[in-house]
PDB file of N, CA and C in Angstrom:
ATOM      1  N   UNK A   1      83.864  25.039  50.690  1.00  0.00           N
ATOM      2  CA  UNK A   1      84.196  23.549  51.002  1.00  0.00           C
ATOM      3  C   UNK A   1      83.395  23.073  51.878  1.00  0.00           C
ATOM      4  N   UNK A   2      82.700  23.833  52.801  1.00  0.00           N
ATOM      5  CA  UNK A   2      81.800  22.776  53.912  1.00  0.00           C
ATOM      6  C   UNK A   2      80.771  22.244  52.873  1.00  0.00           C
ATOM      7  N   UNK A   3      80.129  22.530  52.388  1.00  0.00           N
ATOM      8  CA  UNK A   3      79.281  21.947  51.282  1.00  0.00           C
ATOM      9  C   UNK A   3      79.969  20.797  50.685  1.00  0.00           C
ATOM     10  N   UNK A   4      80.714  20.714  50.089  1.00  0.00           N
ATOM     11  CA  UNK A   4      81.570  20.553  49.401  1.00  0.00           C
ATOM     12  C   UNK A   4      81.751  18.737  49.857  1.00  0.00           C
ATOM     13  N   UNK A   5      82.501  19.305  51.184  1.00  0.00           N
ATOM     14  CA  UNK A   5      82.202  17.957  51.702  1.00  0.00           C
ATOM     15  C   UNK A   5      81.450  17.420  52.713  1.00  0.00           C
ATOM     16  N   UNK A   6      80.357  18.121  52.592  1.00  0.00           N
ATOM     17  CA  UNK A   6      78.691  17.268  53.154  1.00  0.00           C
ATOM     18  C   UNK A   6      78.358  16.532  51.808  1.00  0.00           C
ATOM     19  N   UNK A   7      78.548  15.986  51.116  1.00  0.00           N
ATOM     20  CA  UNK A   7      78.203  15.925  49.831  1.00  0.00           C
ATOM     21  C   UNK A   7      78.715  14.132  49.681  1.00  0.00           C
ATOM     22  N   UNK A   8      78.239  12.840  49.363  1.00  0.00           N
ATOM     23  CA  UNK A   8      78.936  11.720  49.007  1.00  0.00           C
ATOM     24  C   UNK A   8      79.539  11.804  47.873  1.00  0.00           C
ATOM     25  N   UNK A   9      80.856  10.897  47.270  1.00  0.00           N
ATOM     26  CA  UNK A   9      81.860  11.299  45.938  1.00  0.00           C
ATOM     27  C   UNK A   9      80.791  11.584  44.813  1.00  0.00           C
ATOM     28  N   UNK A  10      79.375  11.007  44.771  1.00  0.00           N
ATOM     29  CA  UNK A  10      78.496  11.583  43.673  1.00  0.00           C
ATOM     30  C   UNK A  10      78.457  12.679  43.324  1.00  0.00           C
ATOM     31  N   UNK A  11      77.683  13.131  44.123  1.00  0.00           N
ATOM     32  CA  UNK A  11      77.605  14.221  44.888  1.00  0.00           C
ATOM     33  C   UNK A  11      78.791  15.247  44.345  1.00  0.00           C
ATOM     34  N   UNK A  12      79.816  15.245  44.936  1.00  0.00           N
ATOM     35  CA  UNK A  12      80.936  15.521  44.705  1.00  0.00           C
ATOM     36  C   UNK A  12      81.132  16.057  43.406  1.00  0.00           C
ATOM     37  N   UNK A  13      81.451  15.040  42.651  1.00  0.00           N
ATOM     38  CA  UNK A  13      81.674  15.046  41.422  1.00  0.00           C
ATOM     39  C   UNK A  13      80.648  15.849  40.674  1.00  0.00           C
ATOM     40  N   UNK A  14      79.691  15.522  40.879  1.00  0.00           N
ATOM     41  CA  UNK A  14      78.062  16.493  40.118  1.00  0.00           C
ATOM     42  C   UNK A  14      78.704  18.294  40.287  1.00  0.00           C
ATOM     43  N   UNK A  15      78.859  18.188  41.778  1.00  0.00           N
ATOM     44  CA  UNK A  15      78.815  19.668  41.975  1.00  0.00           C
ATOM     45  C   UNK A  15      79.984  20.174  41.844  1.00  0.00           C
ATOM     46  N   UNK A  16      81.190  19.607  41.547  1.00  0.00           N
ATOM     47  CA  UNK A  16      82.575  20.042  40.470  1.00  0.00           C
ATOM     48  C   UNK A  16      81.912  20.401  39.316  1.00  0.00           C
ATOM     49  N   UNK A  17      81.697  19.211  38.400  1.00  0.00           N
ATOM     50  CA  UNK A  17      80.969  19.741  36.942  1.00  0.00           C
ATOM     51  C   UNK A  17      79.798  20.466  37.142  1.00  0.00           C
ATOM     52  N   UNK A  18      79.132  20.721  37.708  1.00  0.00           N
ATOM     53  CA  UNK A  18      78.576  22.378  37.679  1.00  0.00           C
ATOM     54  C   UNK A  18      78.667  23.236  38.232  1.00  0.00           C
ATOM     55  N   UNK A  19      79.581  23.829  38.777  1.00  0.00           N
ATOM     56  CA  UNK A  19      79.740  24.250  39.796  1.00  0.00           C
ATOM     57  C   UNK A  19      81.508  25.138  39.318  1.00  0.00           C
ATOM     58  N   UNK A  20      81.307  26.724  38.277  1.00  0.00           N
ATOM     59  CA  UNK A  20      82.555  26.895  37.819  1.00  0.00           C
ATOM     60  C   UNK A  20      83.799  27.328  39.205  1.00  0.00           C
ATOM     61  N   UNK A  21      84.535  27.130  39.020  1.00  0.00           N
ATOM     62  CA  UNK A  21      85.899  27.452  40.262  1.00  0.00           C
ATOM     63  C   UNK A  21      86.393  29.371  40.194  1.00  0.00           C
ATOM     64  N   UNK A  22      86.127  29.620  41.251  1.00  0.00           N
ATOM     65  CA  UNK A  22      86.599  30.987  41.098  1.00  0.00           C
ATOM     66  C   UNK A  22      88.066  30.737  41.881  1.00  0.00           C
ATOM     67  N   UNK A  23      88.810  31.858  41.518  1.00  0.00           N
ATOM     68  CA  UNK A  23      90.001  32.475  42.006  1.00  0.00           C
ATOM     69  C   UNK A  23      90.616  31.755  43.321  1.00  0.00           C
ATOM     70  N   UNK A  24      89.778  32.249  43.964  1.00  0.00           N
ATOM     71  CA  UNK A  24      90.075  31.877  45.889  1.00  0.00           C
ATOM     72  C   UNK A  24      89.629  30.185  45.652  1.00  0.00           C
ATOM     73  N   UNK A  25      88.738  29.168  44.950  1.00  0.00           N
ATOM     74  CA  UNK A  25      88.957  28.028  44.750  1.00  0.00           C
ATOM     75  C   UNK A  25      89.802  27.481  44.564  1.00  0.00           C
ATOM     76  N   UNK A  26      90.269  28.010  43.230  1.00  0.00           N
ATOM     77  CA  UNK A  26      91.878  27.425  42.986  1.00  0.00           C
ATOM     78  C   UNK A  26      93.406  27.699  43.733  1.00  0.00           C
ATOM     79  N   UNK A  27      92.999  28.714  43.899  1.00  0.00           N
ATOM     80  CA  UNK A  27      94.876  29.134  44.433  1.00  0.00           C
ATOM     81  C   UNK A  27      94.860  28.674  45.899  1.00  0.00           C
ATOM     82  N   UNK A  28      93.897  28.307  46.992  1.00  0.00           N
ATOM     83  CA  UNK A  28      93.828  27.592  48.052  1.00  0.00           C
ATOM     84  C   UNK A  28      94.495  26.535  47.809  1.00  0.00           C
ATOM     85  N   UNK A  29      94.684  25.846  46.722  1.00  0.00           N
ATOM     86  CA  UNK A  29      95.098  24.281  46.371  1.00  0.00           C
ATOM     87  C   UNK A  29      96.803  24.484  46.276  1.00  0.00           C
ATOM     88  N   UNK A  30      97.374  25.731  45.523  1.00  0.00           N
ATOM     89  CA  UNK A  30      98.701  25.867  45.930  1.00  0.00           C
ATOM     90  C   UNK A  30      99.349  26.613  47.356  1.00  0.00           C
ATOM     91  N   UNK A  31      98.671  26.756  48.271  1.00  0.00           N
ATOM     92  CA  UNK A  31      99.074  26.977  49.762  1.00  0.00           C
ATOM     93  C   UNK A  31      99.704  26.170  50.506  1.00  0.00           C
ATOM     94  N   UNK A  32     101.018  26.537  50.594  1.00  0.00           N
ATOM     95  CA  UNK A  32     101.346  25.071  51.296  1.00  0.00           C
ATOM     96  C   UNK A  32     100.625  25.132  52.985  1.00  0.00           C
ATOM     97  N   UNK A  33     100.216  26.340  53.137  1.00  0.00           N
ATOM     98  CA  UNK A  33      99.547  26.543  54.429  1.00  0.00           C
ATOM     99  C   UNK A  33      98.189  26.161  54.421  1.00  0.00           C
ATOM    100  N   UNK A  34      97.672  25.576  53.803  1.00  0.00           N
ATOM    101  CA  UNK A  34      96.052  25.846  53.754  1.00  0.00           C
ATOM    102  C   UNK A  34      96.467  24.096  54.112  1.00  0.00           C
ATOM    103  N   UNK A  35      95.265  23.807  54.894  1.00  0.00           N
ATOM    104  CA  UNK A  35      94.188  22.435  55.006  1.00  0.00           C
ATOM    105  C   UNK A  35      94.378  21.132  53.782  1.00  0.00           C
ATOM    106  N   UNK A  36      93.932  22.233  52.991  1.00  0.00           N
ATOM    107  CA  UNK A  36      93.804  20.826  52.329  1.00  0.00           C
ATOM    108  C   UNK A  36      95.526  20.567  51.612  1.00  0.00           C
ATOM    109  N   UNK A  37      95.310  19.485  51.444  1.00  0.00           N
ATOM    110  CA  UNK A  37      96.875  19.107  50.631  1.00  0.00           C
ATOM    111  C   UNK A  37      96.344  18.016  49.131  1.00  0.00           C
ATOM    112  N   UNK A  38      97.092  18.635  48.149  1.00  0.00           N
ATOM    113  CA  UNK A  38      97.056  18.320  47.176  1.00  0.00           C
ATOM    114  C   UNK A  38      97.664  17.168  46.925  1.00  0.00           C
ATOM    115  N   UNK A  39      97.319  16.311  45.772  1.00  0.00           N
ATOM    116  CA  UNK A  39      98.085  14.987  45.747  1.00  0.00           C
ATOM    117  C   UNK A  39      99.249  14.906  44.340  1.00  0.00           C
ATOM    118  N   UNK A  40      99.324  15.661  44.060  1.00  0.00           N
ATOM    119  CA  UNK A  40     100.346  16.190  42.825  1.00  0.00           C
ATOM    120  C   UNK A  40     101.211  17.044  43.633  1.00  0.00           C
ATOM    121  N   UNK A  41     102.716  16.858  42.499  1.00  0.00           N
ATOM    122  CA  UNK A  41     103.848  17.815  43.180  1.00  0.00           C
ATOM    123  C   UNK A  41     104.400  18.139  41.880  1.00  0.00           C
ATOM    124  N   UNK A  42     104.961  19.024  41.297  1.00  0.00           N
ATOM    125  CA  UNK A  42     105.406  19.701  39.954  1.00  0.00           C
ATOM    126  C   UNK A  42     106.545  19.083  40.101  1.00  0.00           C
ATOM    127  N   UNK A  43     106.335  18.192  39.404  1.00  0.00           N
ATOM    128  CA  UNK A  43     108.128  17.483  39.159  1.00  0.00           C
ATOM    129  C   UNK A  43     109.058  18.121  37.817  1.00  0.00           C
ATOM    130  N   UNK A  44     108.520  18.202  36.614  1.00  0.00           N
ATOM    131  CA  UNK A  44     109.311  19.180  35.068  1.00  0.00           C
ATOM    132  C   UNK A  44     109.023  19.001  34.915  1.00  0.00           C
ATOM    133  N   UNK A  45     109.055  20.168  33.831  1.00  0.00           N
ATOM    134  CA  UNK A  45     108.087  20.738  32.676  1.00  0.00           C
ATOM    135  C   UNK A  45     109.072  21.515  31.342  1.00  0.00           C
ATOM    136  N   UNK A  46     108.438  21.585  30.363  1.00  0.00           N
ATOM    137  CA  UNK A  46     109.276  22.214  29.215  1.00  0.00           C
ATOM    138  C   UNK A  46     108.652  22.558  28.242  1.00  0.00           C
ATOM    139  N   UNK A  47     108.836  23.117  27.176  1.00  0.00           N
ATOM    140  CA  UNK A  47     108.836  23.444  25.723  1.00  0.00           C
ATOM    141  C   UNK A  47     108.412  22.318  24.651  1.00  0.00           C
ATOM    142  N   UNK A  48     107.950  22.048  23.683  1.00  0.00           N
ATOM    143  CA  UNK A  48     107.686  21.145  22.702  1.00  0.00           C
ATOM    144  C   UNK A  48     107.916  21.905  21.547  1.00  0.00           C
ATOM    145  N   UNK A  49     107.291  22.937  21.094  1.00  0.00           N
ATOM    146  CA  UNK A  49     107.744  24.289  20.411  1.00  0.00           C
ATOM    147  C   UNK A  49     106.929  25.794  20.988  1.00  0.00           C
ATOM    148  N   UNK A  50     106.586  26.509  19.743  1.00  0.00           N
ATOM    149  CA  UNK A  50     106.313  27.553  20.248  1.00  0.00           C
ATOM    150  C   UNK A  50     104.570  27.968  20.910  1.00  0.00           C
ATOM    151  N   UNK A  51     104.026  26.783  20.787  1.00  0.00           N
ATOM    152  CA  UNK A  51     102.580  26.764  20.859  1.00  0.00           C
ATOM    153  C   UNK A  51     102.313  25.127  21.340  1.00  0.00           C
ATOM    154  N   UNK A  52     102.925  24.689  22.410  1.00  0.00           N
ATOM    155  CA  UNK A  52     103.060  23.729  23.295  1.00  0.00           C
ATOM    156  C   UNK A  52     104.025  23.186  24.489  1.00  0.00           C
ATOM    157  N   UNK A  53     103.413  23.151  25.231  1.00  0.00           N
ATOM    158  CA  UNK A  53     104.415  22.775  26.340  1.00  0.00           C
ATOM    159  C   UNK A  53     104.336  21.158  26.804  1.00  0.00           C
ATOM    160  N   UNK A  54     104.826  20.971  28.109  1.00  0.00           N
ATOM    161  CA  UNK A  54     104.666  19.444  28.843  1.00  0.00           C
ATOM    162  C   UNK A  54     104.991  19.700  30.096  1.00  0.00           C
ATOM    163  N   UNK A  55     104.283  19.140  30.842  1.00  0.00           N
ATOM    164  CA  UNK A  55     104.685  18.635  32.214  1.00  0.00           C
ATOM    165  C   UNK A  55     104.684  17.244  33.264  1.00  0.00           C
ATOM    166  N   UNK A  56     105.671  17.342  33.651  1.00  0.00           N
ATOM    167  CA  UNK A  56     105.736  16.028  34.720  1.00  0.00           C
ATOM    168  C   UNK A  56     105.205  16.248  36.097  1.00  0.00           C
ATOM    169  N   UNK A  57     104.043  15.256  36.428  1.00  0.00           N
ATOM    170  CA  UNK A  57     103.631  15.808  38.258  1.00  0.00           C
ATOM    171  C   UNK A  57     104.022  14.159  38.624  1.00  0.00           C
ATOM    172  N   UNK A  58     104.088  14.544  40.009  1.00  0.00           N
ATOM    173  CA  UNK A  58     104.689  13.598  41.097  1.00  0.00           C
ATOM    174  C   UNK A  58     103.088  13.246  41.561  1.00  0.00           C
ATOM    175  N   UNK A  59     102.194  11.862  41.523  1.00  0.00           N
ATOM    176  CA  UNK A  59     101.295  11.635  42.250  1.00  0.00           C
ATOM    177  C   UNK A  59     101.866  10.784  43.444  1.00  0.00           C
ATOM    178  N   UNK A  60     101.064  11.340  44.391  1.00  0.00           N
ATOM    179  CA  UNK A  60     101.113  10.895  45.490  1.00  0.00           C
ATOM    180  C   UNK A  60     100.420   9.985  45.830  1.00  0.00           C
ATOM    181  N   UNK A  61      98.686   9.986  45.517  1.00  0.00           N
ATOM    182  CA  UNK A  61      97.684   8.846  45.302  1.00  0.00           C
ATOM    183  C   UNK A  61      97.148   8.578  44.091  1.00  0.00           C
ATOM    184  N   UNK A  62      96.377   7.518  43.779  1.00  0.00           N
ATOM    185  CA  UNK A  62      95.796   7.312  43.200  1.00  0.00           C
ATOM    186  C   UNK A  62      94.472   6.344  43.232  1.00  0.00           C
ATOM    187  N   UNK A  63      93.025   7.573  42.465  1.00  0.00           N
ATOM    188  CA  UNK A  63      93.553   8.655  41.572  1.00  0.00           C
ATOM    189  C   UNK A  63      93.978   9.708  42.567  1.00  0.00           C
ATOM    190  N   UNK A  64      94.750  11.077  41.883  1.00  0.00           N
ATOM    191  CA  UNK A  64      94.764  11.985  42.094  1.00  0.00           C
ATOM    192  C   UNK A  64      94.066  12.921  41.656  1.00  0.00           C
ATOM    193  N   UNK A  65      93.837  13.962  42.938  1.00  0.00           N
ATOM    194  CA  UNK A  65      93.171  15.168  42.101  1.00  0.00           C
ATOM    195  C   UNK A  65      93.807  16.097  41.314  1.00  0.00           C
ATOM    196  N   UNK A  66      93.373  15.953  40.130  1.00  0.00           N
ATOM    197  CA  UNK A  66      94.217  17.086  39.095  1.00  0.00           C
ATOM    198  C   UNK A  66      93.586  18.040  38.465  1.00  0.00           C
ATOM    199  N   UNK A  67      92.422  18.178  39.217  1.00  0.00           N
ATOM    200  CA  UNK A  67      91.134  19.412  38.596  1.00  0.00           C
ATOM    201  C   UNK A  67      92.277  20.186  38.981  1.00  0.00           C
ATOM    202  N   UNK A  68      92.820  21.086  40.105  1.00  0.00           N
ATOM    203  CA  UNK A  68      93.416  22.293  40.271  1.00  0.00           C
ATOM    204  C   UNK A  68      94.727  22.459  39.034  1.00  0.00           C
ATOM    205  N   UNK A  69      95.210  21.686  38.890  1.00  0.00           N
ATOM    206  CA  UNK A  69      96.501  21.535  37.795  1.00  0.00           C
ATOM    207  C   UNK A  69      95.853  22.173  36.658  1.00  0.00           C
ATOM    208  N   UNK A  70      94.656  20.836  35.962  1.00  0.00           N
ATOM    209  CA  UNK A  70      93.943  21.395  34.951  1.00  0.00           C
ATOM    210  C   UNK A  70      93.906  22.744  34.605  1.00  0.00           C
ATOM    211  N   UNK A  71      92.693  23.043  35.794  1.00  0.00           N
ATOM    212  CA  UNK A  71      92.363  24.511  35.934  1.00  0.00           C
ATOM    213  C   UNK A  71      93.256  25.558  35.683  1.00  0.00           C
ATOM    214  N   UNK A  72      94.403  25.649  36.588  1.00  0.00           N
ATOM    215  CA  UNK A  72      95.702  26.301  36.038  1.00  0.00           C
ATOM    216  C   UNK A  72      96.264  26.529  34.647  1.00  0.00           C
ATOM    217  N   UNK A  73      95.918  25.313  33.682  1.00  0.00           N
ATOM    218  CA  UNK A  73      96.374  25.247  32.827  1.00  0.00           C
ATOM    219  C   UNK A  73      95.896  25.919  31.302  1.00  0.00           C
ATOM    220  N   UNK A  74      94.311  25.634  31.586  1.00  0.00           N
ATOM    221  CA  UNK A  74      93.055  26.500  31.384  1.00  0.00           C
ATOM    222  C   UNK A  74      93.186  27.495  31.465  1.00  0.00           C
ATOM    223  N   UNK A  75      93.675  28.069  32.461  1.00  0.00           N
ATOM    224  CA  UNK A  75      93.730  29.768  32.912  1.00  0.00           C
ATOM    225  C   UNK A  75      94.518  30.657  32.352  1.00  0.00           C
ATOM    226  N   UNK A  76      95.771  29.772  31.900  1.00  0.00           N
ATOM    227  CA  UNK A  76      96.886  30.227  31.437  1.00  0.00           C
ATOM    228  C   UNK A  76      96.830  30.052  30.115  1.00  0.00           C
ATOM    229  N   UNK A  77      95.644  29.664  29.229  1.00  0.00           N
ATOM    230  CA  UNK A  77      96.008  30.140  27.976  1.00  0.00           C
ATOM    231  C   UNK A  77      95.532  28.824  27.352  1.00  0.00           C
ATOM    232  N   UNK A  78      95.841  27.670  28.077  1.00  0.00           N
ATOM    233  CA  UNK A  78      95.841  26.556  27.015  1.00  0.00           C
ATOM    234  C   UNK A  78      94.414  25.629  26.468  1.00  0.00           C
ATOM    235  N   UNK A  79      94.224  25.948  25.547  1.00  0.00           N
ATOM    236  CA  UNK A  79      93.249  25.689  24.926  1.00  0.00           C
ATOM    237  C   UNK A  79      92.888  23.927  24.576  1.00  0.00           C
ATOM    238  N   UNK A  80      94.064  22.863  25.291  1.00  0.00           N
ATOM    239  CA  UNK A  80      93.290  21.304  24.971  1.00  0.00           C
ATOM    240  C   UNK A  80      94.261  20.733  26.134  1.00  0.00           C
ATOM    241  N   UNK A  81      94.142  20.422  26.995  1.00  0.00           N
ATOM    242  CA  UNK A  81      94.994  19.551  28.116  1.00  0.00           C
ATOM    243  C   UNK A  81      94.660  18.136  27.887  1.00  0.00           C
ATOM    244  N   UNK A  82      95.946  17.412  27.876  1.00  0.00           N
ATOM    245  CA  UNK A  82      96.254  15.764  27.345  1.00  0.00           C
ATOM    246  C   UNK A  82      97.034  15.081  28.923  1.00  0.00           C
ATOM    247  N   UNK A  83      95.696  14.155  29.114  1.00  0.00           N
ATOM    248  CA  UNK A  83      96.508  13.572  30.136  1.00  0.00           C
ATOM    249  C   UNK A  83      97.053  12.343  29.849  1.00  0.00           C
ATOM    250  N   UNK A  84      98.392  11.813  29.844  1.00  0.00           N
ATOM    251  CA  UNK A  84      99.043  10.584  29.230  1.00  0.00           C
ATOM    252  C   UNK A  84      99.071   9.493  30.271  1.00  0.00           C
ATOM    253  N   UNK A  85      99.561   8.327  30.515  1.00  0.00           N
ATOM    254  CA  UNK A  85      99.410   7.554  31.279  1.00  0.00           C
ATOM    255  C   UNK A  85     100.710   7.665  31.841  1.00  0.00           C
ATOM    256  N   UNK A  86     100.842   6.777  33.226  1.00  0.00           N
ATOM    257  CA  UNK A  86     101.858   7.493  33.978  1.00  0.00           C
ATOM    258  C   UNK A  86     102.935   6.735  33.515  1.00  0.00           C
ATOM    259  N   UNK A  87     104.124   7.070  33.991  1.00  0.00           N
ATOM    260  CA  UNK A  87     105.105   6.497  32.920  1.00  0.00           C
ATOM    261  C   UNK A  87     105.740   4.877  33.662  1.00  0.00           C
ATOM    262  N   UNK A  88     106.048   4.247  33.419  1.00  0.00           N
ATOM    263  CA  UNK A  88     106.323   3.283  33.979  1.00  0.00           C
ATOM    264  C   UNK A  88     105.212   1.976  34.356  1.00  0.00           C
ATOM    265  N   UNK A  89     104.098   2.947  33.686  1.00  0.00           N
ATOM    266  CA  UNK A  89     102.862   1.272  33.412  1.00  0.00           C
ATOM    267  C   UNK A  89     102.785   0.879  32.143  1.00  0.00           C
TER     268      UNK A  89
END
């Protein structure tokens, strides 16, 4: 994290694109005791059919840092992650 924090926004984006997430990098974002605070909260979820599911998250700031959530979905076996427009826009 110290290396990431030392970068400007463009450098952070490049760093995140080039470096794969480890389990430790990812799981710290879900720990409520962490100094890191995610900008989203799990709201609801369900299945569409045997192969598809959906989730709703509440976003506290825009733009939201959803990388941890997308990584979790891919790590859980999702082959595709589609981000819809927020409701109410």
